[in-house]
Amino acid sequence: MRPADEVRQHVLTAYIIPARGRGDSTVTVRAGDVHRELGYKDRMPSVASALGAKIFEQYAGVRLIRREGPHQGANLLLTFEV
């Protein structure tokens, strides 16, 4: 599995689906948390790119409503409408 696909699948199952189950209207994902959870080393730009792309929105059925922090850093926060 490509890293971008792995990131998308992980965020869908670990963040998006649980948020929907709780009835949340939004969920915020921190790129550094995803990077750590997947056990990556030096792949922060890949994580940020995978989550910020339209393909993730389509894949997960979400809409990116806010992007805060460094463009490709660990403290990048992406808030999605679920």
Protein backbone atom coordinates (compact mmCIF):
# COMPACT_ATOMS: atom_id res chain seq x y z
CA MET A 1 0.00 0.00 0.00
CA ARG A 2 1.32 3.44 -0.88
CA PRO A 3 1.92 5.84 2.04
CA ALA A 4 -0.83 8.22 0.88
CA ASP A 5 -3.33 5.35 0.75
CA GLU A 6 -2.20 4.19 4.19
CA VAL A 7 -2.68 7.70 5.61
CA ARG A 8 -6.16 8.03 4.08
CA GLN A 9 -7.26 4.61 5.36
CA HIS A 10 -5.90 5.26 8.85
CA VAL A 11 -7.56 8.66 9.22
CA LEU A 12 -10.86 7.31 7.92
CA THR A 13 -10.91 4.42 10.39
CA ALA A 14 -9.29 6.15 13.40
CA TYR A 15 -10.84 9.63 13.13
CA ILE A 16 -13.69 10.01 10.62
CA ILE A 17 -15.76 6.90 11.31
CA PRO A 18 -15.58 7.30 15.12
CA ALA A 19 -16.55 10.99 14.81
CA ARG A 20 -19.58 10.04 12.74
CA GLY A 21 -20.47 7.36 15.27
CA ARG A 22 -20.43 9.95 18.06
CA GLY A 23 -22.57 12.29 15.98
CA ASP A 24 -19.84 14.93 15.70
CA SER A 25 -20.26 17.45 12.89
CA THR A 26 -16.51 18.10 12.58
CA VAL A 27 -13.24 16.38 13.39
CA THR A 28 -9.76 17.91 13.63
CA VAL A 29 -6.73 15.86 12.66
CA ARG A 30 -3.16 16.80 13.62
CA ALA A 31 -0.65 15.65 11.00
CA GLY A 32 2.01 14.85 13.62
CA ASP A 33 -0.35 12.50 15.43
CA VAL A 34 -1.08 10.58 12.25
CA HIS A 35 2.65 10.44 11.43
CA ARG A 36 3.39 8.99 14.91
CA GLU A 37 0.45 6.58 14.88
CA LEU A 38 1.62 5.09 11.60
CA GLY A 39 5.20 4.76 12.87
CA TYR A 40 6.58 6.94 10.10
CA LYS A 41 9.98 8.59 10.07
CA ASP A 42 10.57 11.68 7.91
CA ARG A 43 7.26 11.41 6.02
CA MET A 44 5.50 14.49 7.35
CA PRO A 45 5.15 16.10 3.89
CA SER A 46 3.46 12.92 2.63
CA VAL A 47 1.02 12.90 5.54
CA ALA A 48 0.16 16.58 5.06
CA SER A 49 -0.26 16.18 1.31
CA ALA A 50 -2.46 13.09 1.61
CA LEU A 51 -4.80 14.77 4.09
CA GLY A 52 -4.96 18.12 2.31
CA ALA A 53 -5.83 16.67 -1.08
CA LYS A 54 -9.30 16.59 -2.65
CA ILE A 55 -8.90 12.84 -3.12
CA PHE A 56 -9.09 12.41 0.68
CA GLU A 57 -12.28 14.45 0.85
CA GLN A 58 -13.83 12.25 -1.83
CA TYR A 59 -12.47 9.02 -0.33
CA ALA A 60 -13.74 9.76 3.18
CA GLY A 61 -16.86 11.70 2.22
CA VAL A 62 -15.74 14.78 4.15
CA ARG A 63 -15.13 18.46 3.42
CA LEU A 64 -12.03 20.34 4.55
CA ILE A 65 -13.26 23.46 6.30
CA ARG A 66 -10.12 24.73 8.04
CA ARG A 67 -6.36 24.34 7.67
CA GLU A 68 -4.13 25.83 10.38
CA GLY A 69 -0.43 25.73 11.16
CA PRO A 70 2.67 24.98 9.15
CA HIS A 71 1.92 23.76 5.63
CA GLN A 72 3.77 20.45 6.04
CA GLY A 73 4.65 20.40 9.73
CA ALA A 74 3.64 18.21 12.64
CA ASN A 75 1.36 20.91 14.02
CA LEU A 76 -0.71 21.17 10.87
CA LEU A 77 -4.35 20.96 11.94
CA LEU A 78 -6.99 20.00 9.40
CA THR A 79 -10.64 20.28 10.37
CA PHE A 80 -13.15 18.31 8.34
CA GLU A 81 -16.91 18.45 8.22
CA VAL A 82 -18.05 14.86 8.58
